[in-house]
Amino acid sequence: METATVHDVRVLLPDDEEDTHTTWPHNDTLAKETLSHAAYSGVDLAGHRWHNVKISRVVFTDCRFTGLTVNGAELADVLFRDCVFDYAHMARVRATSGVAFAGCRLVETVFEDCDLSGVAMDGCRLDGAQFDGTRMDGGDLRGSTTEGVGGVLSLRGVTLNADQIPSLMSGVASELGWRIDP
């Protein structure tokens, strides 16, 4: 069994004999579907809608998820590598084991009522991302940009680099209602 490690997160990869798909074999809307043991590369999933899906042992590389809408998803052993999620809206996404985003763009992405505990986001652009009612306890954001991130109180328990703290402080001040006199 092959694995990938992003920070301290170990992702169990699909079997070696699985083919890499360069086209999406499903409709634009996935409802109550299960995706497992697959690899996708260069697939355009912009504007797709996923409802109550389960994804396990899947690798997405260089895929475009711009404007993706997710309403209910369970992720286990999923690796997103060099993917674009700008303006995506992910609601009720739950990571159960081994989920990582490496080198992804998640600009202005909204995470709403998600459980992303233990998820690693390494080298990702999170500028303007919003974490509303989302748990990230045990998550890892080291190496990612965090300018303008909202819902920073949801990031309780994550691991950060020291240089990420200043960019997150304006969000903390805003959420706590601080009035700062220059």
N, C-alpha and C. Protein backbone atom coordinates (compact mmCIF):
# COMPACT_ATOMS: atom_id res chain seq x y z
N MET A 1 0.83 -1.18 0.00
CA MET A 1 0.00 0.00 0.00
C MET A 1 0.88 1.24 0.00
N GLU A 2 0.69 2.07 -1.00
CA GLU A 2 1.46 3.29 -1.11
C GLU A 2 0.77 4.41 -0.34
N THR A 3 1.59 5.26 0.28
CA THR A 3 1.05 6.40 1.02
C THR A 3 1.78 7.67 0.60
N ALA A 4 1.14 8.79 0.87
CA ALA A 4 1.76 10.11 0.72
C ALA A 4 1.66 10.79 2.07
N THR A 5 2.67 11.56 2.42
CA THR A 5 2.66 12.26 3.69
C THR A 5 2.77 13.76 3.45
N VAL A 6 1.83 14.51 4.00
CA VAL A 6 1.84 15.97 3.93
C VAL A 6 1.86 16.45 5.38
N HIS A 7 2.95 17.10 5.76
CA HIS A 7 3.23 17.41 7.16
C HIS A 7 3.11 16.11 7.95
N ASP A 8 2.24 16.02 8.92
CA ASP A 8 2.11 14.79 9.70
C ASP A 8 0.93 13.93 9.25
N VAL A 9 0.28 14.31 8.16
CA VAL A 9 -0.90 13.58 7.69
C VAL A 9 -0.49 12.53 6.67
N ARG A 10 -0.84 11.30 6.94
CA ARG A 10 -0.55 10.18 6.05
C ARG A 10 -1.81 9.85 5.27
N VAL A 11 -1.69 9.87 3.93
CA VAL A 11 -2.82 9.59 3.05
C VAL A 11 -2.57 8.26 2.36
N LEU A 12 -3.50 7.34 2.53
CA LEU A 12 -3.42 6.05 1.85
C LEU A 12 -3.88 6.25 0.42
N LEU A 13 -3.02 5.95 -0.55
CA LEU A 13 -3.30 6.21 -1.96
C LEU A 13 -4.04 5.04 -2.60
N PRO A 14 -4.66 5.30 -3.78
CA PRO A 14 -5.31 4.20 -4.49
C PRO A 14 -4.28 3.14 -4.88
N ASP A 15 -4.76 1.96 -5.20
CA ASP A 15 -3.87 0.88 -5.61
C ASP A 15 -3.09 1.28 -6.85
N ASP A 16 -1.88 0.74 -6.99
CA ASP A 16 -1.01 1.07 -8.13
C ASP A 16 -1.66 0.78 -9.47
N GLU A 17 -2.48 -0.24 -9.54
CA GLU A 17 -3.06 -0.63 -10.82
C GLU A 17 -4.22 0.26 -11.26
N GLU A 18 -4.62 1.19 -10.41
CA GLU A 18 -5.71 2.10 -10.79
C GLU A 18 -5.22 3.08 -11.85
N ASP A 19 -6.02 3.27 -12.90
CA ASP A 19 -5.69 4.22 -13.95
C ASP A 19 -5.95 5.64 -13.48
N THR A 20 -5.21 6.59 -14.06
CA THR A 20 -5.47 8.00 -13.81
C THR A 20 -6.44 8.50 -14.86
N HIS A 21 -7.56 9.05 -14.40
CA HIS A 21 -8.58 9.57 -15.31
C HIS A 21 -8.26 11.01 -15.67
N THR A 22 -8.37 11.35 -16.95
CA THR A 22 -8.16 12.73 -17.39
C THR A 22 -9.48 13.37 -17.81
N THR A 23 -10.55 12.63 -17.71
CA THR A 23 -11.90 13.17 -17.92
C THR A 23 -12.77 12.72 -16.76
N TRP A 24 -13.84 13.46 -16.50
CA TRP A 24 -14.73 13.17 -15.39
C TRP A 24 -15.82 12.21 -15.88
N PRO A 25 -15.92 11.02 -15.32
CA PRO A 25 -16.88 10.03 -15.81
C PRO A 25 -18.29 10.17 -15.23
N HIS A 26 -18.56 11.26 -14.51
CA HIS A 26 -19.84 11.46 -13.85
C HIS A 26 -20.51 12.73 -14.37
N ASN A 27 -21.75 12.94 -13.97
CA ASN A 27 -22.46 14.17 -14.30
C ASN A 27 -21.91 15.34 -13.50
N ASP A 28 -22.37 16.55 -13.84
CA ASP A 28 -21.97 17.75 -13.10
C ASP A 28 -22.49 17.73 -11.67
N THR A 29 -23.57 17.00 -11.43
CA THR A 29 -24.14 16.89 -10.09
C THR A 29 -23.97 15.46 -9.60
N LEU A 30 -23.34 15.33 -8.43
CA LEU A 30 -23.22 14.02 -7.78
C LEU A 30 -24.09 14.03 -6.54
N ALA A 31 -24.97 13.07 -6.42
CA ALA A 31 -25.83 12.97 -5.24
C ALA A 31 -25.78 11.55 -4.70
N LYS A 32 -25.42 11.44 -3.44
CA LYS A 32 -25.37 10.15 -2.75
C LYS A 32 -24.52 9.14 -3.51
N GLU A 33 -23.39 9.60 -4.01
CA GLU A 33 -22.46 8.75 -4.76
C GLU A 33 -21.24 8.45 -3.90
N THR A 34 -20.53 7.40 -4.26
CA THR A 34 -19.28 7.05 -3.62
C THR A 34 -18.19 7.01 -4.69
N LEU A 35 -17.12 7.74 -4.45
CA LEU A 35 -15.94 7.69 -5.32
C LEU A 35 -14.84 7.03 -4.51
N SER A 36 -14.22 6.00 -5.08
CA SER A 36 -13.14 5.35 -4.33
C SER A 36 -12.11 4.74 -5.27
N HIS A 37 -10.90 4.61 -4.74
CA HIS A 37 -9.79 3.97 -5.45
C HIS A 37 -9.63 4.52 -6.86
N ALA A 38 -9.40 5.83 -6.96
CA ALA A 38 -9.25 6.45 -8.27
C ALA A 38 -8.27 7.61 -8.21
N ALA A 39 -7.76 7.97 -9.37
CA ALA A 39 -6.89 9.14 -9.50
C ALA A 39 -7.38 9.95 -10.69
N TYR A 40 -7.44 11.27 -10.49
CA TYR A 40 -7.91 12.19 -11.53
C TYR A 40 -6.83 13.24 -11.74
N SER A 41 -6.53 13.55 -13.00
CA SER A 41 -5.51 14.54 -13.30
C SER A 41 -6.00 15.49 -14.39
N GLY A 42 -5.91 16.80 -14.12
CA GLY A 42 -6.27 17.80 -15.12
C GLY A 42 -7.74 17.87 -15.44
N VAL A 43 -8.59 17.40 -14.55
CA VAL A 43 -10.03 17.37 -14.79
C VAL A 43 -10.66 18.70 -14.38
N ASP A 44 -11.58 19.21 -15.21
CA ASP A 44 -12.27 20.47 -14.93
C ASP A 44 -13.61 20.17 -14.27
N LEU A 45 -13.71 20.48 -12.98
CA LEU A 45 -14.93 20.26 -12.20
C LEU A 45 -15.53 21.58 -11.75
N ALA A 46 -15.21 22.65 -12.46
CA ALA A 46 -15.71 23.99 -12.11
C ALA A 46 -17.23 24.01 -12.17
N GLY A 47 -17.84 24.58 -11.12
CA GLY A 47 -19.28 24.73 -11.07
C GLY A 47 -20.06 23.46 -10.76
N HIS A 48 -19.37 22.36 -10.49
CA HIS A 48 -20.08 21.11 -10.18
C HIS A 48 -20.75 21.22 -8.81
N ARG A 49 -21.72 20.32 -8.59
CA ARG A 49 -22.45 20.27 -7.32
C ARG A 49 -22.39 18.84 -6.79
N TRP A 50 -21.96 18.73 -5.54
CA TRP A 50 -21.88 17.44 -4.89
C TRP A 50 -22.75 17.47 -3.64
N HIS A 51 -23.62 16.46 -3.50
CA HIS A 51 -24.52 16.37 -2.35
C HIS A 51 -24.38 14.99 -1.71
N ASN A 52 -24.01 14.99 -0.44
CA ASN A 52 -23.92 13.75 0.34
C ASN A 52 -23.10 12.68 -0.38
N VAL A 53 -21.84 13.02 -0.66
CA VAL A 53 -20.95 12.09 -1.34
C VAL A 53 -19.93 11.53 -0.36
N LYS A 54 -19.39 10.37 -0.70
CA LYS A 54 -18.31 9.76 0.06
C LYS A 54 -17.14 9.57 -0.90
N ILE A 55 -15.97 10.04 -0.47
CA ILE A 55 -14.78 9.95 -1.31
C ILE A 55 -13.68 9.31 -0.48
N SER A 56 -13.13 8.20 -0.98
CA SER A 56 -12.07 7.52 -0.23
C SER A 56 -11.01 6.98 -1.19
N ARG A 57 -9.76 7.13 -0.74
CA ARG A 57 -8.59 6.68 -1.50
C ARG A 57 -8.62 7.22 -2.92
N VAL A 58 -8.73 8.55 -3.00
CA VAL A 58 -8.76 9.24 -4.30
C VAL A 58 -7.69 10.34 -4.29
N VAL A 59 -7.02 10.49 -5.43
CA VAL A 59 -6.04 11.56 -5.62
C VAL A 59 -6.52 12.45 -6.76
N PHE A 60 -6.57 13.75 -6.51
CA PHE A 60 -6.89 14.74 -7.53
C PHE A 60 -5.62 15.57 -7.75
N THR A 61 -5.13 15.63 -8.98
CA THR A 61 -3.93 16.40 -9.31
C THR A 61 -4.24 17.38 -10.42
N ASP A 62 -3.88 18.65 -10.22
CA ASP A 62 -4.08 19.70 -11.23
C ASP A 62 -5.53 19.77 -11.70
N CYS A 63 -6.47 19.57 -10.80
CA CYS A 63 -7.89 19.64 -11.16
C CYS A 63 -8.45 21.02 -10.81
N ARG A 64 -9.46 21.42 -11.55
CA ARG A 64 -10.08 22.74 -11.34
C ARG A 64 -11.45 22.54 -10.70
N PHE A 65 -11.61 23.05 -9.46
CA PHE A 65 -12.85 22.97 -8.70
C PHE A 65 -13.45 24.36 -8.49
N THR A 66 -13.12 25.33 -9.32
CA THR A 66 -13.59 26.70 -9.15
C THR A 66 -15.11 26.73 -9.06
N GLY A 67 -15.64 27.36 -7.99
CA GLY A 67 -17.08 27.46 -7.83
C GLY A 67 -17.79 26.16 -7.47
N LEU A 68 -17.05 25.13 -7.12
CA LEU A 68 -17.65 23.86 -6.69
C LEU A 68 -18.56 24.12 -5.49
N THR A 69 -19.72 23.47 -5.46
CA THR A 69 -20.62 23.54 -4.32
C THR A 69 -20.75 22.13 -3.74
N VAL A 70 -20.39 21.99 -2.47
CA VAL A 70 -20.52 20.71 -1.78
C VAL A 70 -21.47 20.90 -0.62
N ASN A 71 -22.47 20.04 -0.53
CA ASN A 71 -23.40 20.05 0.60
C ASN A 71 -23.44 18.63 1.15
N GLY A 72 -22.50 18.34 2.02
CA GLY A 72 -22.41 17.02 2.63
C GLY A 72 -21.41 16.15 1.90
N ALA A 73 -20.29 15.87 2.57
CA ALA A 73 -19.28 14.98 2.01
C ALA A 73 -18.47 14.36 3.14
N GLU A 74 -18.09 13.13 2.93
CA GLU A 74 -17.21 12.43 3.86
C GLU A 74 -15.95 12.06 3.10
N LEU A 75 -14.80 12.52 3.59
CA LEU A 75 -13.53 12.29 2.92
C LEU A 75 -12.64 11.40 3.78
N ALA A 76 -12.06 10.38 3.17
CA ALA A 76 -11.11 9.51 3.85
C ALA A 76 -9.99 9.17 2.88
N ASP A 77 -8.76 9.47 3.27
CA ASP A 77 -7.60 9.21 2.43
C ASP A 77 -7.76 9.85 1.06
N VAL A 78 -7.85 11.18 1.07
CA VAL A 78 -8.01 11.96 -0.17
C VAL A 78 -6.88 12.99 -0.23
N LEU A 79 -6.22 13.04 -1.37
CA LEU A 79 -5.13 13.99 -1.60
C LEU A 79 -5.50 14.90 -2.76
N PHE A 80 -5.48 16.20 -2.50
CA PHE A 80 -5.69 17.21 -3.53
C PHE A 80 -4.32 17.86 -3.76
N ARG A 81 -3.78 17.70 -4.96
CA ARG A 81 -2.44 18.20 -5.25
C ARG A 81 -2.50 19.21 -6.41
N ASP A 82 -2.08 20.47 -6.14
CA ASP A 82 -2.03 21.52 -7.16
C ASP A 82 -3.38 21.76 -7.82
N CYS A 83 -4.44 21.75 -7.03
CA CYS A 83 -5.80 21.97 -7.53
C CYS A 83 -6.24 23.40 -7.23
N VAL A 84 -7.24 23.88 -7.96
CA VAL A 84 -7.79 25.23 -7.78
C VAL A 84 -9.22 25.11 -7.28
N PHE A 85 -9.49 25.69 -6.09
CA PHE A 85 -10.81 25.68 -5.46
C PHE A 85 -11.36 27.09 -5.29
N ASP A 86 -10.84 28.07 -6.00
CA ASP A 86 -11.28 29.45 -5.80
C ASP A 86 -12.80 29.55 -5.87
N TYR A 87 -13.36 30.29 -4.91
CA TYR A 87 -14.80 30.58 -4.83
C TYR A 87 -15.67 29.33 -4.63
N ALA A 88 -15.09 28.25 -4.18
CA ALA A 88 -15.88 27.05 -3.87
C ALA A 88 -16.63 27.26 -2.56
N HIS A 89 -17.73 26.55 -2.38
CA HIS A 89 -18.50 26.60 -1.13
C HIS A 89 -18.67 25.17 -0.66
N MET A 90 -18.05 24.87 0.47
CA MET A 90 -18.08 23.52 1.02
C MET A 90 -18.80 23.53 2.35
N ALA A 91 -19.94 22.90 2.39
CA ALA A 91 -20.75 22.83 3.61
C ALA A 91 -20.85 21.38 4.06
N ARG A 92 -20.73 21.19 5.36
CA ARG A 92 -20.89 19.87 5.99
C ARG A 92 -19.93 18.83 5.40
N VAL A 93 -18.69 19.21 5.20
CA VAL A 93 -17.65 18.29 4.76
C VAL A 93 -16.96 17.75 6.00
N ARG A 94 -16.79 16.43 6.05
CA ARG A 94 -16.16 15.80 7.22
C ARG A 94 -14.98 14.95 6.76
N ALA A 95 -13.82 15.26 7.30
CA ALA A 95 -12.62 14.47 7.02
C ALA A 95 -12.50 13.41 8.11
N THR A 96 -12.49 12.15 7.72
CA THR A 96 -12.42 11.09 8.72
C THR A 96 -11.00 10.56 8.91
N SER A 97 -10.17 10.64 7.87
CA SER A 97 -8.77 10.22 8.01
C SER A 97 -7.99 10.65 6.78
N GLY A 98 -6.73 10.99 6.99
CA GLY A 98 -5.79 11.21 5.91
C GLY A 98 -6.23 12.11 4.78
N VAL A 99 -6.56 13.37 5.06
CA VAL A 99 -6.96 14.31 4.00
C VAL A 99 -5.95 15.44 3.94
N ALA A 100 -5.46 15.73 2.72
CA ALA A 100 -4.46 16.78 2.56
C ALA A 100 -4.66 17.55 1.27
N PHE A 101 -4.35 18.85 1.36
CA PHE A 101 -4.32 19.75 0.22
C PHE A 101 -2.87 20.21 0.10
N ALA A 102 -2.23 19.97 -1.02
CA ALA A 102 -0.83 20.35 -1.21
C ALA A 102 -0.71 21.24 -2.44
N GLY A 103 -0.24 22.47 -2.23
CA GLY A 103 -0.04 23.39 -3.34
C GLY A 103 -1.32 23.84 -4.02
N CYS A 104 -2.42 23.85 -3.29
CA CYS A 104 -3.73 24.21 -3.88
C CYS A 104 -4.05 25.68 -3.68
N ARG A 105 -4.91 26.20 -4.54
CA ARG A 105 -5.46 27.56 -4.39
C ARG A 105 -6.88 27.42 -3.86
N LEU A 106 -7.13 28.05 -2.71
CA LEU A 106 -8.45 28.05 -2.09
C LEU A 106 -8.86 29.49 -1.79
N VAL A 107 -8.62 30.38 -2.74
CA VAL A 107 -8.90 31.80 -2.58
C VAL A 107 -10.41 32.03 -2.51
N GLU A 108 -10.84 32.74 -1.46
CA GLU A 108 -12.27 33.06 -1.25
C GLU A 108 -13.15 31.81 -1.12
N THR A 109 -12.56 30.68 -0.77
CA THR A 109 -13.33 29.46 -0.56
C THR A 109 -14.02 29.54 0.79
N VAL A 110 -15.26 29.06 0.87
CA VAL A 110 -16.03 29.06 2.11
C VAL A 110 -16.15 27.63 2.62
N PHE A 111 -15.75 27.43 3.87
CA PHE A 111 -15.95 26.16 4.57
C PHE A 111 -17.00 26.43 5.64
N GLU A 112 -18.15 25.80 5.53
CA GLU A 112 -19.27 26.08 6.44
C GLU A 112 -19.70 24.80 7.15
N ASP A 113 -19.66 24.83 8.48
CA ASP A 113 -20.07 23.70 9.31
C ASP A 113 -19.35 22.41 8.91
N CYS A 114 -18.05 22.52 8.69
CA CYS A 114 -17.24 21.36 8.31
C CYS A 114 -16.47 20.85 9.51
N ASP A 115 -16.06 19.59 9.44
CA ASP A 115 -15.12 19.05 10.42
C ASP A 115 -13.86 18.66 9.65
N LEU A 116 -12.90 19.54 9.66
CA LEU A 116 -11.63 19.33 8.96
C LEU A 116 -10.52 19.03 9.96
N SER A 117 -10.89 18.41 11.07
CA SER A 117 -9.90 18.05 12.09
C SER A 117 -8.84 17.15 11.46
N GLY A 118 -7.59 17.49 11.70
CA GLY A 118 -6.48 16.68 11.21
C GLY A 118 -6.11 16.89 9.75
N VAL A 119 -6.77 17.81 9.05
CA VAL A 119 -6.48 18.06 7.63
C VAL A 119 -5.22 18.92 7.50
N ALA A 120 -4.36 18.58 6.55
CA ALA A 120 -3.18 19.38 6.27
C ALA A 120 -3.41 20.19 5.00
N MET A 121 -3.02 21.46 5.07
CA MET A 121 -3.05 22.35 3.90
C MET A 121 -1.65 22.93 3.79
N ASP A 122 -0.83 22.37 2.93
CA ASP A 122 0.57 22.74 2.82
C ASP A 122 0.82 23.50 1.51
N GLY A 123 1.41 24.69 1.63
CA GLY A 123 1.73 25.46 0.44
C GLY A 123 0.51 25.91 -0.33
N CYS A 124 -0.60 26.11 0.38
CA CYS A 124 -1.86 26.50 -0.25
C CYS A 124 -2.08 28.00 -0.14
N ARG A 125 -2.81 28.56 -1.09
CA ARG A 125 -3.24 29.97 -1.01
C ARG A 125 -4.63 29.98 -0.42
N LEU A 126 -4.74 30.46 0.80
CA LEU A 126 -6.01 30.53 1.52
C LEU A 126 -6.52 31.96 1.62
N ASP A 127 -5.99 32.86 0.81
CA ASP A 127 -6.34 34.27 0.89
C ASP A 127 -7.84 34.48 0.78
N GLY A 128 -8.41 35.11 1.81
CA GLY A 128 -9.84 35.41 1.82
C GLY A 128 -10.74 34.21 2.08
N ALA A 129 -10.16 33.05 2.39
CA ALA A 129 -10.98 31.87 2.70
C ALA A 129 -11.76 32.14 3.99
N GLN A 130 -12.93 31.53 4.10
CA GLN A 130 -13.81 31.73 5.24
C GLN A 130 -14.07 30.39 5.91
N PHE A 131 -13.87 30.32 7.21
CA PHE A 131 -14.12 29.11 7.99
C PHE A 131 -15.26 29.42 8.95
N ASP A 132 -16.48 29.11 8.57
CA ASP A 132 -17.67 29.41 9.38
C ASP A 132 -18.14 28.15 10.11
N GLY A 133 -18.06 28.15 11.44
CA GLY A 133 -18.53 27.01 12.21
C GLY A 133 -17.79 25.73 11.88
N THR A 134 -16.54 25.86 11.51
CA THR A 134 -15.75 24.72 11.05
C THR A 134 -14.70 24.36 12.10
N ARG A 135 -14.53 23.06 12.33
CA ARG A 135 -13.50 22.56 13.25
C ARG A 135 -12.26 22.20 12.45
N MET A 136 -11.10 22.62 12.96
CA MET A 136 -9.84 22.23 12.33
C MET A 136 -8.84 21.75 13.37
N ASP A 137 -9.33 21.32 14.52
CA ASP A 137 -8.46 20.87 15.59
C ASP A 137 -7.49 19.80 15.06
N GLY A 138 -6.20 20.02 15.31
CA GLY A 138 -5.20 19.06 14.85
C GLY A 138 -4.82 19.25 13.39
N GLY A 139 -5.41 20.25 12.73
CA GLY A 139 -5.06 20.53 11.34
C GLY A 139 -3.71 21.22 11.25
N ASP A 140 -3.22 21.37 10.03
CA ASP A 140 -1.90 21.94 9.82
C ASP A 140 -1.94 22.88 8.63
N LEU A 141 -1.68 24.16 8.87
CA LEU A 141 -1.69 25.16 7.81
C LEU A 141 -0.28 25.68 7.50
N ARG A 142 0.74 25.06 8.03
CA ARG A 142 2.10 25.54 7.80
C ARG A 142 2.40 25.63 6.31
N GLY A 143 3.04 26.75 5.94
CA GLY A 143 3.44 26.93 4.55
C GLY A 143 2.36 27.50 3.66
N SER A 144 1.18 27.77 4.19
CA SER A 144 0.08 28.32 3.40
C SER A 144 -0.07 29.82 3.67
N THR A 145 -0.55 30.56 2.67
CA THR A 145 -0.82 31.99 2.87
C THR A 145 -2.18 32.12 3.55
N THR A 146 -2.29 33.10 4.45
CA THR A 146 -3.51 33.24 5.24
C THR A 146 -4.02 34.68 5.27
N GLU A 147 -3.71 35.48 4.27
CA GLU A 147 -4.17 36.87 4.22
C GLU A 147 -5.68 36.94 4.13
N GLY A 148 -6.29 37.70 5.02
CA GLY A 148 -7.73 37.94 4.95
C GLY A 148 -8.60 36.74 5.28
N VAL A 149 -8.04 35.72 5.91
CA VAL A 149 -8.84 34.55 6.29
C VAL A 149 -9.87 34.97 7.33
N GLY A 150 -11.11 34.55 7.15
CA GLY A 150 -12.18 34.83 8.10
C GLY A 150 -12.56 33.58 8.88
N GLY A 151 -13.21 33.79 10.01
CA GLY A 151 -13.59 32.66 10.85
C GLY A 151 -12.38 32.05 11.53
N VAL A 152 -11.41 32.90 11.86
CA VAL A 152 -10.16 32.39 12.41
C VAL A 152 -10.33 31.69 13.76
N LEU A 153 -11.40 31.98 14.47
CA LEU A 153 -11.62 31.27 15.74
C LEU A 153 -11.93 29.79 15.49
N SER A 154 -12.34 29.45 14.27
CA SER A 154 -12.52 28.04 13.90
C SER A 154 -11.19 27.32 13.77
N LEU A 155 -10.11 28.07 13.69
CA LEU A 155 -8.79 27.46 13.50
C LEU A 155 -8.15 27.04 14.81
N ARG A 156 -8.94 27.01 15.87
CA ARG A 156 -8.44 26.59 17.19
C ARG A 156 -7.80 25.19 17.06
N GLY A 157 -6.57 25.08 17.54
CA GLY A 157 -5.90 23.78 17.56
C GLY A 157 -5.10 23.45 16.31
N VAL A 158 -4.98 24.38 15.34
CA VAL A 158 -4.17 24.10 14.15
C VAL A 158 -2.70 24.42 14.42
N THR A 159 -1.84 23.86 13.61
CA THR A 159 -0.42 24.16 13.66
C THR A 159 -0.12 25.19 12.58
N LEU A 160 0.59 26.25 12.98
CA LEU A 160 0.92 27.35 12.08
C LEU A 160 2.42 27.63 12.12
N ASN A 161 2.90 28.36 11.12
CA ASN A 161 4.24 28.95 11.18
C ASN A 161 4.11 30.28 11.89
N ALA A 162 5.16 30.71 12.56
CA ALA A 162 5.13 32.00 13.27
C ALA A 162 4.83 33.16 12.32
N ASP A 163 5.29 33.08 11.07
CA ASP A 163 5.07 34.20 10.15
C ASP A 163 3.63 34.29 9.65
N GLN A 164 2.78 33.32 9.99
CA GLN A 164 1.37 33.38 9.62
C GLN A 164 0.54 34.17 10.64
N ILE A 165 1.05 34.33 11.84
CA ILE A 165 0.30 34.98 12.92
C ILE A 165 -0.14 36.40 12.57
N PRO A 166 0.75 37.27 12.08
CA PRO A 166 0.30 38.64 11.79
C PRO A 166 -0.87 38.72 10.81
N SER A 167 -0.87 37.89 9.78
CA SER A 167 -1.96 37.97 8.80
C SER A 167 -3.28 37.48 9.38
N LEU A 168 -3.23 36.66 10.41
CA LEU A 168 -4.46 36.17 11.03
C LEU A 168 -4.99 37.09 12.13
N MET A 169 -4.16 37.97 12.64
CA MET A 169 -4.56 38.82 13.77
C MET A 169 -5.69 39.79 13.44
N SER A 170 -5.75 40.30 12.22
CA SER A 170 -6.86 41.21 11.89
C SER A 170 -8.18 40.47 11.95
N GLY A 171 -8.19 39.20 11.56
CA GLY A 171 -9.40 38.39 11.67
C GLY A 171 -9.79 38.13 13.11
N VAL A 172 -8.80 37.88 13.96
CA VAL A 172 -9.07 37.68 15.38
C VAL A 172 -9.67 38.95 15.97
N ALA A 173 -9.06 40.09 15.67
CA ALA A 173 -9.56 41.37 16.19
C ALA A 173 -10.99 41.62 15.74
N SER A 174 -11.27 41.35 14.50
CA SER A 174 -12.62 41.56 13.96
C SER A 174 -13.63 40.65 14.64
N GLU A 175 -13.30 39.37 14.77
CA GLU A 175 -14.23 38.41 15.37
C GLU A 175 -14.48 38.67 16.85
N LEU A 176 -13.49 39.23 17.52
CA LEU A 176 -13.66 39.53 18.94
C LEU A 176 -14.22 40.93 19.17
N GLY A 177 -14.44 41.65 18.08
CA GLY A 177 -15.03 42.98 18.19
C GLY A 177 -14.10 44.03 18.75
N TRP A 178 -12.81 43.81 18.61
CA TRP A 178 -11.84 44.78 19.11
C TRP A 178 -11.90 46.06 18.27
N ARG A 179 -11.82 47.17 18.92
CA ARG A 179 -11.67 48.46 18.25
C ARG A 179 -10.23 48.90 18.48
N ILE A 180 -9.49 48.99 17.41
CA ILE A 180 -8.07 49.30 17.54
C ILE A 180 -7.83 50.75 17.14
N ASP A 181 -7.25 51.50 18.05
CA ASP A 181 -6.95 52.91 17.80
C ASP A 181 -5.54 53.00 17.24
N PRO A 182 -5.42 53.48 15.99
CA PRO A 182 -4.08 53.56 15.40
C PRO A 182 -3.32 54.63 16.11
